[in-house]
PDB file of N, CA and C in Angstrom:
ATOM      1  N   UNK A   1      80.869  -3.938 153.686  1.00  0.00           N
ATOM      2  CA  UNK A   1      81.190  -4.504 152.379  1.00  0.00           C
ATOM      3  C   UNK A   1      80.243  -3.914 151.336  1.00  0.00           C
ATOM      4  N   UNK A   2      80.811  -3.425 150.284  1.00  0.00           N
ATOM      5  CA  UNK A   2      80.045  -2.712 149.276  1.00  0.00           C
ATOM      6  C   UNK A   2      79.008  -3.579 148.576  1.00  0.00           C
ATOM      7  N   UNK A   3      79.259  -4.873 148.443  1.00  0.00           N
ATOM      8  CA  UNK A   3      78.334  -5.742 147.717  1.00  0.00           C
ATOM      9  C   UNK A   3      77.367  -6.489 148.641  1.00  0.00           C
ATOM     10  N   UNK A   4      77.402  -6.228 149.935  1.00  0.00           N
ATOM     11  CA  UNK A   4      76.531  -6.916 150.886  1.00  0.00           C
ATOM     12  C   UNK A   4      75.197  -6.181 151.010  1.00  0.00           C
ATOM     13  N   UNK A   5      74.113  -6.877 150.720  1.00  0.00           N
ATOM     14  CA  UNK A   5      72.772  -6.305 150.795  1.00  0.00           C
ATOM     15  C   UNK A   5      72.497  -5.688 152.166  1.00  0.00           C
ATOM     16  N   UNK A   6      72.822  -6.414 153.241  1.00  0.00           N
ATOM     17  CA  UNK A   6      72.507  -5.917 154.576  1.00  0.00           C
ATOM     18  C   UNK A   6      73.399  -4.749 154.973  1.00  0.00           C
ATOM     19  N   UNK A   7      74.647  -4.734 154.537  1.00  0.00           N
ATOM     20  CA  UNK A   7      75.510  -3.573 154.785  1.00  0.00           C
ATOM     21  C   UNK A   7      74.941  -2.343 154.078  1.00  0.00           C
ATOM     22  N   UNK A   8      74.377  -2.544 152.912  1.00  0.00           N
ATOM     23  CA  UNK A   8      73.777  -1.439 152.166  1.00  0.00           C
ATOM     24  C   UNK A   8      72.498  -0.950 152.846  1.00  0.00           C
ATOM     25  N   UNK A   9      71.765  -1.849 153.517  1.00  0.00           N
ATOM     26  CA  UNK A   9      70.607  -1.424 154.313  1.00  0.00           C
ATOM     27  C   UNK A   9      71.082  -0.621 155.517  1.00  0.00           C
ATOM     28  N   UNK A  10      72.115  -1.109 156.200  1.00  0.00           N
ATOM     29  CA  UNK A  10      72.667  -0.399 157.367  1.00  0.00           C
ATOM     30  C   UNK A  10      73.105   1.008 156.978  1.00  0.00           C
ATOM     31  N   UNK A  11      73.741   1.156 155.826  1.00  0.00           N
ATOM     32  CA  UNK A  11      74.235   2.472 155.390  1.00  0.00           C
ATOM     33  C   UNK A  11      73.130   3.392 154.888  1.00  0.00           C
ATOM     34  N   UNK A  12      71.927   2.848 154.672  1.00  0.00           N
ATOM     35  CA  UNK A  12      70.820   3.645 154.160  1.00  0.00           C
ATOM     36  C   UNK A  12      70.756   3.694 152.645  1.00  0.00           C
ATOM     37  N   UNK A  13      71.674   3.002 151.997  1.00  0.00           N
ATOM     38  CA  UNK A  13      71.710   2.977 150.535  1.00  0.00           C
ATOM     39  C   UNK A  13      70.496   2.247 149.962  1.00  0.00           C
ATOM     40  N   UNK A  14      70.038   1.204 150.659  1.00  0.00           N
ATOM     41  CA  UNK A  14      68.855   0.445 150.252  1.00  0.00           C
ATOM     42  C   UNK A  14      67.799   0.636 151.335  1.00  0.00           C
ATOM     43  N   UNK A  15      66.580   1.011 150.946  1.00  0.00           N
ATOM     44  CA  UNK A  15      65.538   1.223 151.960  1.00  0.00           C
ATOM     45  C   UNK A  15      65.063  -0.087 152.569  1.00  0.00           C
ATOM     46  N   UNK A  16      64.643  -0.008 153.812  1.00  0.00           N
ATOM     47  CA  UNK A  16      64.062  -1.144 154.525  1.00  0.00           C
ATOM     48  C   UNK A  16      63.088  -0.580 155.549  1.00  0.00           C
ATOM     49  N   UNK A  17      62.153  -1.411 155.969  1.00  0.00           N
ATOM     50  CA  UNK A  17      61.222  -1.013 157.017  1.00  0.00           C
ATOM     51  C   UNK A  17      61.870  -1.339 158.355  1.00  0.00           C
ATOM     52  N   UNK A  18      62.540  -0.337 158.913  1.00  0.00           N
ATOM     53  CA  UNK A  18      63.265  -0.495 160.180  1.00  0.00           C
ATOM     54  C   UNK A  18      62.248  -0.490 161.317  1.00  0.00           C
ATOM     55  N   UNK A  19      62.360  -1.486 162.204  1.00  0.00           N
ATOM     56  CA  UNK A  19      61.448  -1.553 163.347  1.00  0.00           C
ATOM     57  C   UNK A  19      62.150  -1.259 164.668  1.00  0.00           C
ATOM     58  N   UNK A  20      63.485  -1.365 164.668  1.00  0.00           N
ATOM     59  CA  UNK A  20      64.237  -1.118 165.902  1.00  0.00           C
ATOM     60  C   UNK A  20      65.712  -0.924 165.535  1.00  0.00           C
ATOM     61  N   UNK A  21      66.379  -0.052 166.281  1.00  0.00           N
ATOM     62  CA  UNK A  21      67.810   0.170 166.100  1.00  0.00           C
ATOM     63  C   UNK A  21      68.477   0.331 167.447  1.00  0.00           C
ATOM     64  N   UNK A  22      69.701  -0.140 167.521  1.00  0.00           N
ATOM     65  CA  UNK A  22      70.554   0.156 168.664  1.00  0.00           C
ATOM     66  C   UNK A  22      71.878   0.653 168.092  1.00  0.00           C
ATOM     67  N   UNK A  23      72.796   0.948 168.966  1.00  0.00           N
ATOM     68  CA  UNK A  23      74.088   1.437 168.499  1.00  0.00           C
ATOM     69  C   UNK A  23      74.780   0.413 167.595  1.00  0.00           C
ATOM     70  N   UNK A  24      74.580  -0.883 167.891  1.00  0.00           N
ATOM     71  CA  UNK A  24      75.301  -1.910 167.135  1.00  0.00           C
ATOM     72  C   UNK A  24      74.422  -2.855 166.331  1.00  0.00           C
ATOM     73  N   UNK A  25      73.092  -2.647 166.340  1.00  0.00           N
ATOM     74  CA  UNK A  25      72.195  -3.544 165.600  1.00  0.00           C
ATOM     75  C   UNK A  25      71.113  -2.766 164.873  1.00  0.00           C
ATOM     76  N   UNK A  26      70.528  -3.418 163.889  1.00  0.00           N
ATOM     77  CA  UNK A  26      69.383  -2.893 163.146  1.00  0.00           C
ATOM     78  C   UNK A  26      68.400  -4.047 162.959  1.00  0.00           C
ATOM     79  N   UNK A  27      67.118  -3.765 163.131  1.00  0.00           N
ATOM     80  CA  UNK A  27      66.072  -4.766 162.908  1.00  0.00           C
ATOM     81  C   UNK A  27      65.097  -4.218 161.869  1.00  0.00           C
ATOM     82  N   UNK A  28      64.773  -5.043 160.886  1.00  0.00           N
ATOM     83  CA  UNK A  28      63.875  -4.611 159.813  1.00  0.00           C
ATOM     84  C   UNK A  28      63.021  -5.771 159.335  1.00  0.00           C
ATOM     85  N   UNK A  29      61.885  -5.446 158.732  1.00  0.00           N
ATOM     86  CA  UNK A  29      60.952  -6.459 158.247  1.00  0.00           C
ATOM     87  C   UNK A  29      61.537  -7.187 157.036  1.00  0.00           C
ATOM     88  N   UNK A  30      61.351  -8.507 157.027  1.00  0.00           N
ATOM     89  CA  UNK A  30      61.783  -9.327 155.899  1.00  0.00           C
ATOM     90  C   UNK A  30      60.890  -9.015 154.698  1.00  0.00           C
ATOM     91  N   UNK A  31      61.484  -8.905 153.520  1.00  0.00           N
ATOM     92  CA  UNK A  31      60.696  -8.599 152.313  1.00  0.00           C
ATOM     93  C   UNK A  31      59.931  -9.810 151.805  1.00  0.00           C
ATOM     94  N   UNK A  32      60.266 -11.000 152.295  1.00  0.00           N
ATOM     95  CA  UNK A  32      59.578 -12.229 151.917  1.00  0.00           C
ATOM     96  C   UNK A  32      59.170 -12.960 153.200  1.00  0.00           C
ATOM     97  N   UNK A  33      58.196 -12.411 153.930  1.00  0.00           N
ATOM     98  CA  UNK A  33      57.874 -12.947 155.256  1.00  0.00           C
ATOM     99  C   UNK A  33      57.348 -14.378 155.208  1.00  0.00           C
ATOM    100  N   UNK A  34      57.808 -15.179 156.179  1.00  0.00           N
ATOM    101  CA  UNK A  34      57.396 -16.570 156.316  1.00  0.00           C
ATOM    102  C   UNK A  34      56.415 -16.758 157.472  1.00  0.00           C
ATOM    103  N   UNK A  35      56.030 -15.656 158.098  1.00  0.00           N
ATOM    104  CA  UNK A  35      55.064 -15.655 159.200  1.00  0.00           C
ATOM    105  C   UNK A  35      54.461 -14.256 159.262  1.00  0.00           C
ATOM    106  N   UNK A  36      53.338 -14.092 159.964  1.00  0.00           N
ATOM    107  CA  UNK A  36      52.750 -12.752 160.064  1.00  0.00           C
ATOM    108  C   UNK A  36      53.740 -11.698 160.576  1.00  0.00           C
ATOM    109  N   UNK A  37      54.597 -12.081 161.503  1.00  0.00           N
ATOM    110  CA  UNK A  37      55.702 -11.221 161.921  1.00  0.00           C
ATOM    111  C   UNK A  37      56.984 -11.917 161.512  1.00  0.00           C
ATOM    112  N   UNK A  38      57.800 -11.230 160.723  1.00  0.00           N
ATOM    113  CA  UNK A  38      59.096 -11.769 160.297  1.00  0.00           C
ATOM    114  C   UNK A  38      60.061 -10.592 160.207  1.00  0.00           C
ATOM    115  N   UNK A  39      60.898 -10.483 161.233  1.00  0.00           N
ATOM    116  CA  UNK A  39      61.850  -9.378 161.346  1.00  0.00           C
ATOM    117  C   UNK A  39      63.251  -9.959 161.368  1.00  0.00           C
ATOM    118  N   UNK A  40      64.168  -9.315 160.671  1.00  0.00           N
ATOM    119  CA  UNK A  40      65.575  -9.697 160.691  1.00  0.00           C
ATOM    120  C   UNK A  40      66.318  -8.747 161.623  1.00  0.00           C
ATOM    121  N   UNK A  41      67.156  -9.309 162.483  1.00  0.00           N
ATOM    122  CA  UNK A  41      67.975  -8.512 163.395  1.00  0.00           C
ATOM    123  C   UNK A  41      69.422  -8.773 163.021  1.00  0.00           C
ATOM    124  N   UNK A  42      70.150  -7.696 162.693  1.00  0.00           N
ATOM    125  CA  UNK A  42      71.525  -7.841 162.202  1.00  0.00           C
ATOM    126  C   UNK A  42      72.465  -6.931 162.974  1.00  0.00           C
ATOM    127  N   UNK A  43      73.742  -7.322 163.042  1.00  0.00           N
ATOM    128  CA  UNK A  43      74.722  -6.377 163.562  1.00  0.00           C
ATOM    129  C   UNK A  43      75.045  -5.350 162.473  1.00  0.00           C
ATOM    130  N   UNK A  44      75.340  -4.145 162.876  1.00  0.00           N
ATOM    131  CA  UNK A  44      75.763  -3.137 161.895  1.00  0.00           C
ATOM    132  C   UNK A  44      77.093  -3.542 161.254  1.00  0.00           C
ATOM    133  N   UNK A  45      77.937  -4.184 162.032  1.00  0.00           N
ATOM    134  CA  UNK A  45      79.233  -4.653 161.549  1.00  0.00           C
ATOM    135  C   UNK A  45      79.028  -5.902 160.694  1.00  0.00           C
ATOM    136  N   UNK A  46      79.749  -5.973 159.589  1.00  0.00           N
ATOM    137  CA  UNK A  46      79.640  -7.142 158.723  1.00  0.00           C
ATOM    138  C   UNK A  46      80.387  -8.327 159.331  1.00  0.00           C
ATOM    139  N   UNK A  47      79.656  -9.374 159.602  1.00  0.00           N
ATOM    140  CA  UNK A  47      80.187 -10.678 160.012  1.00  0.00           C
ATOM    141  C   UNK A  47      79.359 -11.687 159.230  1.00  0.00           C
ATOM    142  N   UNK A  48      80.005 -12.660 158.618  1.00  0.00           N
ATOM    143  CA  UNK A  48      79.309 -13.543 157.679  1.00  0.00           C
ATOM    144  C   UNK A  48      78.299 -14.479 158.330  1.00  0.00           C
ATOM    145  N   UNK A  49      78.659 -15.104 159.460  1.00  0.00           N
ATOM    146  CA  UNK A  49      77.792 -16.148 160.018  1.00  0.00           C
ATOM    147  C   UNK A  49      77.830 -16.132 161.540  1.00  0.00           C
ATOM    148  N   UNK A  50      76.824 -16.760 162.143  1.00  0.00           N
ATOM    149  CA  UNK A  50      76.661 -16.730 163.592  1.00  0.00           C
ATOM    150  C   UNK A  50      77.829 -17.374 164.330  1.00  0.00           C
ATOM    151  N   UNK A  51      78.394 -18.445 163.815  1.00  0.00           N
ATOM    152  CA  UNK A  51      79.537 -19.075 164.467  1.00  0.00           C
ATOM    153  C   UNK A  51      80.737 -18.148 164.521  1.00  0.00           C
ATOM    154  N   UNK A  52      80.967 -17.450 163.442  1.00  0.00           N
ATOM    155  CA  UNK A  52      82.057 -16.472 163.383  1.00  0.00           C
ATOM    156  C   UNK A  52      81.811 -15.358 164.412  1.00  0.00           C
ATOM    157  N   UNK A  53      80.567 -14.900 164.507  1.00  0.00           N
ATOM    158  CA  UNK A  53      80.229 -13.868 165.481  1.00  0.00           C
ATOM    159  C   UNK A  53      80.458 -14.374 166.905  1.00  0.00           C
ATOM    160  N   UNK A  54      80.076 -15.612 167.174  1.00  0.00           N
ATOM    161  CA  UNK A  54      80.258 -16.197 168.509  1.00  0.00           C
ATOM    162  C   UNK A  54      81.744 -16.276 168.872  1.00  0.00           C
ATOM    163  N   UNK A  55      82.581 -16.611 167.922  1.00  0.00           N
ATOM    164  CA  UNK A  55      84.025 -16.717 168.172  1.00  0.00           C
ATOM    165  C   UNK A  55      84.679 -15.354 168.325  1.00  0.00           C
ATOM    166  N   UNK A  56      84.325 -14.415 167.439  1.00  0.00           N
ATOM    167  CA  UNK A  56      85.034 -13.143 167.370  1.00  0.00           C
ATOM    168  C   UNK A  56      84.472 -12.060 168.285  1.00  0.00           C
ATOM    169  N   UNK A  57      83.144 -12.048 168.455  1.00  0.00           N
ATOM    170  CA  UNK A  57      82.521 -10.994 169.254  1.00  0.00           C
ATOM    171  C   UNK A  57      81.314 -11.548 170.003  1.00  0.00           C
ATOM    172  N   UNK A  58      81.544 -12.403 170.994  1.00  0.00           N
ATOM    173  CA  UNK A  58      80.419 -13.015 171.701  1.00  0.00           C
ATOM    174  C   UNK A  58      79.492 -11.995 172.355  1.00  0.00           C
ATOM    175  N   UNK A  59      80.024 -10.854 172.778  1.00  0.00           N
ATOM    176  CA  UNK A  59      79.166  -9.830 173.373  1.00  0.00           C
ATOM    177  C   UNK A  59      78.198  -9.250 172.352  1.00  0.00           C
ATOM    178  N   UNK A  60      78.610  -9.161 171.103  1.00  0.00           N
ATOM    179  CA  UNK A  60      77.718  -8.669 170.053  1.00  0.00           C
ATOM    180  C   UNK A  60      76.634  -9.708 169.751  1.00  0.00           C
ATOM    181  N   UNK A  61      76.973 -10.987 169.835  1.00  0.00           N
ATOM    182  CA  UNK A  61      75.961 -12.033 169.660  1.00  0.00           C
ATOM    183  C   UNK A  61      74.915 -11.947 170.769  1.00  0.00           C
ATOM    184  N   UNK A  62      75.359 -11.726 171.991  1.00  0.00           N
ATOM    185  CA  UNK A  62      74.420 -11.562 173.112  1.00  0.00           C
ATOM    186  C   UNK A  62      73.519 -10.353 172.859  1.00  0.00           C
ATOM    187  N   UNK A  63      74.094  -9.261 172.388  1.00  0.00           N
ATOM    188  CA  UNK A  63      73.287  -8.083 172.094  1.00  0.00           C
ATOM    189  C   UNK A  63      72.279  -8.370 170.978  1.00  0.00           C
ATOM    190  N   UNK A  64      72.685  -9.131 169.981  1.00  0.00           N
ATOM    191  CA  UNK A  64      71.779  -9.502 168.892  1.00  0.00           C
ATOM    192  C   UNK A  64      70.592 -10.287 169.437  1.00  0.00           C
ATOM    193  N   UNK A  65      70.851 -11.190 170.373  1.00  0.00           N
ATOM    194  CA  UNK A  65      69.760 -11.968 170.974  1.00  0.00           C
ATOM    195  C   UNK A  65      68.872 -11.091 171.861  1.00  0.00           C
ATOM    196  N   UNK A  66      69.459 -10.162 172.598  1.00  0.00           N
ATOM    197  CA  UNK A  66      68.648  -9.235 173.404  1.00  0.00           C
ATOM    198  C   UNK A  66      67.755  -8.380 172.519  1.00  0.00           C
ATOM    199  N   UNK A  67      68.301  -7.920 171.418  1.00  0.00           N
ATOM    200  CA  UNK A  67      67.515  -7.113 170.490  1.00  0.00           C
ATOM    201  C   UNK A  67      66.429  -7.953 169.832  1.00  0.00           C
ATOM    202  N   UNK A  68      66.698  -9.221 169.584  1.00  0.00           N
ATOM    203  CA  UNK A  68      65.678 -10.123 169.032  1.00  0.00           C
ATOM    204  C   UNK A  68      64.504 -10.240 169.995  1.00  0.00           C
ATOM    205  N   UNK A  69      64.800 -10.398 171.280  1.00  0.00           N
ATOM    206  CA  UNK A  69      63.729 -10.463 172.273  1.00  0.00           C
ATOM    207  C   UNK A  69      62.991  -9.126 172.368  1.00  0.00           C
ATOM    208  N   UNK A  70      63.722  -8.025 172.270  1.00  0.00           N
ATOM    209  CA  UNK A  70      63.082  -6.709 172.312  1.00  0.00           C
ATOM    210  C   UNK A  70      62.142  -6.527 171.120  1.00  0.00           C
ATOM    211  N   UNK A  71      62.541  -7.017 169.966  1.00  0.00           N
ATOM    212  CA  UNK A  71      61.672  -6.976 168.783  1.00  0.00           C
ATOM    213  C   UNK A  71      60.424  -7.807 169.047  1.00  0.00           C
ATOM    214  N   UNK A  72      60.598  -9.005 169.586  1.00  0.00           N
ATOM    215  CA  UNK A  72      59.447  -9.873 169.884  1.00  0.00           C
ATOM    216  C   UNK A  72      58.492  -9.170 170.851  1.00  0.00           C
ATOM    217  N   UNK A  73      59.025  -8.503 171.845  1.00  0.00           N
ATOM    218  CA  UNK A  73      58.184  -7.768 172.802  1.00  0.00           C
ATOM    219  C   UNK A  73      57.463  -6.624 172.100  1.00  0.00           C
ATOM    220  N   UNK A  74      58.191  -5.872 171.320  1.00  0.00           N
ATOM    221  CA  UNK A  74      57.622  -4.729 170.587  1.00  0.00           C
ATOM    222  C   UNK A  74      56.513  -5.182 169.637  1.00  0.00           C
ATOM    223  N   UNK A  75      56.668  -6.368 169.063  1.00  0.00           N
ATOM    224  CA  UNK A  75      55.705  -6.896 168.105  1.00  0.00           C
ATOM    225  C   UNK A  75      54.562  -7.653 168.783  1.00  0.00           C
ATOM    226  N   UNK A  76      54.576  -7.732 170.124  1.00  0.00           N
ATOM    227  CA  UNK A  76      53.503  -8.388 170.860  1.00  0.00           C
ATOM    228  C   UNK A  76      53.549  -9.905 170.814  1.00  0.00           C
ATOM    229  N   UNK A  77      54.738 -10.475 170.706  1.00  0.00           N
ATOM    230  CA  UNK A  77      54.882 -11.917 170.546  1.00  0.00           C
ATOM    231  C   UNK A  77      55.222 -12.666 171.832  1.00  0.00           C
ATOM    232  N   UNK A  78      55.522 -11.968 172.913  1.00  0.00           N
ATOM    233  CA  UNK A  78      56.016 -12.656 174.108  1.00  0.00           C
ATOM    234  C   UNK A  78      55.000 -13.618 174.717  1.00  0.00           C
ATOM    235  N   UNK A  79      53.737 -13.248 174.775  1.00  0.00           N
ATOM    236  CA  UNK A  79      52.738 -14.126 175.400  1.00  0.00           C
ATOM    237  C   UNK A  79      52.534 -15.417 174.617  1.00  0.00           C
ATOM    238  N   UNK A  80      52.392 -15.323 173.319  1.00  0.00           N
ATOM    239  CA  UNK A  80      52.132 -16.510 172.506  1.00  0.00           C
ATOM    240  C   UNK A  80      53.389 -17.266 172.117  1.00  0.00           C
ATOM    241  N   UNK A  81      54.509 -16.585 172.120  1.00  0.00           N
ATOM    242  CA  UNK A  81      55.778 -17.196 171.744  1.00  0.00           C
ATOM    243  C   UNK A  81      56.211 -16.816 170.341  1.00  0.00           C
ATOM    244  N   UNK A  82      57.461 -17.085 170.079  1.00  0.00           N
ATOM    245  CA  UNK A  82      58.055 -16.746 168.787  1.00  0.00           C
ATOM    246  C   UNK A  82      59.239 -17.663 168.530  1.00  0.00           C
ATOM    247  N   UNK A  83      59.740 -17.625 167.318  1.00  0.00           N
ATOM    248  CA  UNK A  83      60.899 -18.434 166.933  1.00  0.00           C
ATOM    249  C   UNK A  83      62.024 -17.493 166.518  1.00  0.00           C
ATOM    250  N   UNK A  84      63.242 -17.806 166.961  1.00  0.00           N
ATOM    251  CA  UNK A  84      64.446 -17.103 166.520  1.00  0.00           C
ATOM    252  C   UNK A  84      65.307 -18.117 165.774  1.00  0.00           C
ATOM    253  N   UNK A  85      65.678 -17.785 164.544  1.00  0.00           N
ATOM    254  CA  UNK A  85      66.402 -18.722 163.685  1.00  0.00           C
ATOM    255  C   UNK A  85      67.631 -18.043 163.091  1.00  0.00           C
ATOM    256  N   UNK A  86      68.754 -18.778 163.092  1.00  0.00           N
ATOM    257  CA  UNK A  86      69.947 -18.386 162.345  1.00  0.00           C
ATOM    258  C   UNK A  86      70.181 -19.447 161.282  1.00  0.00           C
ATOM    259  N   UNK A  87      70.220 -19.065 160.017  1.00  0.00           N
ATOM    260  CA  UNK A  87      70.591 -19.973 158.944  1.00  0.00           C
ATOM    261  C   UNK A  87      72.084 -19.780 158.690  1.00  0.00           C
ATOM    262  N   UNK A  88      72.824 -20.887 158.530  1.00  0.00           N
ATOM    263  CA  UNK A  88      74.266 -20.787 158.346  1.00  0.00           C
ATOM    264  C   UNK A  88      74.691 -21.573 157.110  1.00  0.00           C
ATOM    265  N   UNK A  89      75.299 -20.884 156.168  1.00  0.00           N
ATOM    266  CA  UNK A  89      75.813 -21.504 154.954  1.00  0.00           C
ATOM    267  C   UNK A  89      74.722 -21.839 153.954  1.00  0.00           C
ATOM    268  N   UNK A  90      75.126 -22.123 152.730  1.00  0.00           N
ATOM    269  CA  UNK A  90      74.159 -22.406 151.670  1.00  0.00           C
ATOM    270  C   UNK A  90      73.242 -23.588 151.987  1.00  0.00           C
ATOM    271  N   UNK A  91      73.793 -24.661 152.535  1.00  0.00           N
ATOM    272  CA  UNK A  91      72.970 -25.820 152.841  1.00  0.00           C
ATOM    273  C   UNK A  91      72.038 -25.561 154.022  1.00  0.00           C
ATOM    274  N   UNK A  92      72.370 -24.573 154.848  1.00  0.00           N
ATOM    275  CA  UNK A  92      71.522 -24.196 155.974  1.00  0.00           C
ATOM    276  C   UNK A  92      70.477 -23.156 155.603  1.00  0.00           C
ATOM    277  N   UNK A  93      70.447 -22.754 154.344  1.00  0.00           N
ATOM    278  CA  UNK A  93      69.450 -21.803 153.879  1.00  0.00           C
ATOM    279  C   UNK A  93      69.868 -20.350 153.968  1.00  0.00           C
ATOM    280  N   UNK A  94      71.136 -20.073 154.310  1.00  0.00           N
ATOM    281  CA  UNK A  94      71.573 -18.677 154.385  1.00  0.00           C
ATOM    282  C   UNK A  94      71.715 -18.128 152.973  1.00  0.00           C
ATOM    283  N   UNK A  95      71.008 -17.033 152.709  1.00  0.00           N
ATOM    284  CA  UNK A  95      71.032 -16.430 151.378  1.00  0.00           C
ATOM    285  C   UNK A  95      71.835 -15.138 151.338  1.00  0.00           C
ATOM    286  N   UNK A  96      71.892 -14.442 152.463  1.00  0.00           N
ATOM    287  CA  UNK A  96      72.703 -13.225 152.580  1.00  0.00           C
ATOM    288  C   UNK A  96      73.766 -13.531 153.622  1.00  0.00           C
ATOM    289  N   UNK A  97      75.029 -13.414 153.239  1.00  0.00           N
ATOM    290  CA  UNK A  97      76.119 -13.814 154.121  1.00  0.00           C
ATOM    291  C   UNK A  97      76.585 -12.651 154.995  1.00  0.00           C
ATOM    292  N   UNK A  98      75.625 -12.177 155.764  1.00  0.00           N
ATOM    293  CA  UNK A  98      75.791 -11.185 156.836  1.00  0.00           C
ATOM    294  C   UNK A  98      74.895 -11.739 157.929  1.00  0.00           C
ATOM    295  N   UNK A  99      75.492 -12.117 159.062  1.00  0.00           N
ATOM    296  CA  UNK A  99      74.729 -12.812 160.096  1.00  0.00           C
ATOM    297  C   UNK A  99      73.433 -12.074 160.403  1.00  0.00           C
ATOM    298  N   UNK A 100      72.355 -12.845 160.549  1.00  0.00           N
ATOM    299  CA  UNK A 100      71.059 -12.248 160.872  1.00  0.00           C
ATOM    300  C   UNK A 100      70.189 -13.268 161.586  1.00  0.00           C
ATOM    301  N   UNK A 101      69.478 -12.766 162.573  1.00  0.00           N
ATOM    302  CA  UNK A 101      68.505 -13.574 163.304  1.00  0.00           C
ATOM    303  C   UNK A 101      67.138 -13.290 162.710  1.00  0.00           C
ATOM    304  N   UNK A 102      66.403 -14.345 162.408  1.00  0.00           N
ATOM    305  CA  UNK A 102      65.014 -14.212 161.980  1.00  0.00           C
ATOM    306  C   UNK A 102      64.152 -14.300 163.235  1.00  0.00           C
ATOM    307  N   UNK A 103      63.312 -13.308 163.459  1.00  0.00           N
ATOM    308  CA  UNK A 103      62.332 -13.351 164.543  1.00  0.00           C
ATOM    309  C   UNK A 103      60.987 -13.568 163.879  1.00  0.00           C
ATOM    310  N   UNK A 104      60.385 -14.741 164.127  1.00  0.00           N
ATOM    311  CA  UNK A 104      59.141 -15.139 163.472  1.00  0.00           C
ATOM    312  C   UNK A 104      58.058 -15.373 164.512  1.00  0.00           C
ATOM    313  N   UNK A 105      56.857 -14.908 164.225  1.00  0.00           N
ATOM    314  CA  UNK A 105      55.758 -15.147 165.140  1.00  0.00           C
ATOM    315  C   UNK A 105      54.435 -14.707 164.551  1.00  0.00           C
ATOM    316  N   UNK A 106      53.409 -14.772 165.401  1.00  0.00           N
ATOM    317  CA  UNK A 106      52.087 -14.367 164.962  1.00  0.00           C
ATOM    318  C   UNK A 106      51.235 -15.528 164.487  1.00  0.00           C
ATOM    319  N   UNK A 107      51.778 -16.733 164.549  1.00  0.00           N
ATOM    320  CA  UNK A 107      51.043 -17.951 164.214  1.00  0.00           C
ATOM    321  C   UNK A 107      51.740 -19.126 164.894  1.00  0.00           C
ATOM    322  N   UNK A 108      51.064 -20.263 164.919  1.00  0.00           N
ATOM    323  CA  UNK A 108      51.655 -21.486 165.456  1.00  0.00           C
ATOM    324  C   UNK A 108      52.802 -21.898 164.542  1.00  0.00           C
ATOM    325  N   UNK A 109      53.954 -22.150 165.114  1.00  0.00           N
ATOM    326  CA  UNK A 109      55.128 -22.570 164.342  1.00  0.00           C
ATOM    327  C   UNK A 109      55.189 -24.086 164.343  1.00  0.00           C
ATOM    328  N   UNK A 110      55.119 -24.689 163.183  1.00  0.00           N
ATOM    329  CA  UNK A 110      55.196 -26.137 163.077  1.00  0.00           C
ATOM    330  C   UNK A 110      56.625 -26.630 163.048  1.00  0.00           C
ATOM    331  N   UNK A 111      56.771 -27.934 163.004  1.00  0.00           N
ATOM    332  CA  UNK A 111      58.087 -28.533 162.870  1.00  0.00           C
ATOM    333  C   UNK A 111      58.032 -29.551 161.754  1.00  0.00           C
ATOM    334  N   UNK A 112      58.930 -29.584 160.818  1.00  0.00           N
ATOM    335  CA  UNK A 112      60.107 -28.726 160.732  1.00  0.00           C
ATOM    336  C   UNK A 112      59.725 -27.289 160.386  1.00  0.00           C
ATOM    337  N   UNK A 113      60.685 -26.349 160.637  1.00  0.00           N
ATOM    338  CA  UNK A 113      60.404 -24.934 160.352  1.00  0.00           C
ATOM    339  C   UNK A 113      59.971 -24.738 158.912  1.00  0.00           C
ATOM    340  N   UNK A 114      59.148 -23.761 158.708  1.00  0.00           N
ATOM    341  CA  UNK A 114      58.735 -23.447 157.337  1.00  0.00           C
ATOM    342  C   UNK A 114      57.412 -22.784 157.293  1.00  0.00           C
TER     343      UNK A 114
END
């Protein structure tokens, strides 16, 4: 989608700090990090939200989660732990309507998230 920020990152039109890529996913650092490590993992294909991805392409959702864990390993987060978050819809805090997993770590994660 031409007006989607994350699609424009995937196409290379907008620069991002890419930390990992697979054939169907891209992972890059969040520009407004909420933790010492804050990486977004997205499918290259535009899908608006995680529920839609689960219904339409469950194998791609599984790959997104595998890549999220690979990012956590690459970032040295496996021993201490990390948080994976999907925000869905405006009330859920989703700001870019291209499904993305937030991989957060590098500090103790409190509850509620934030």
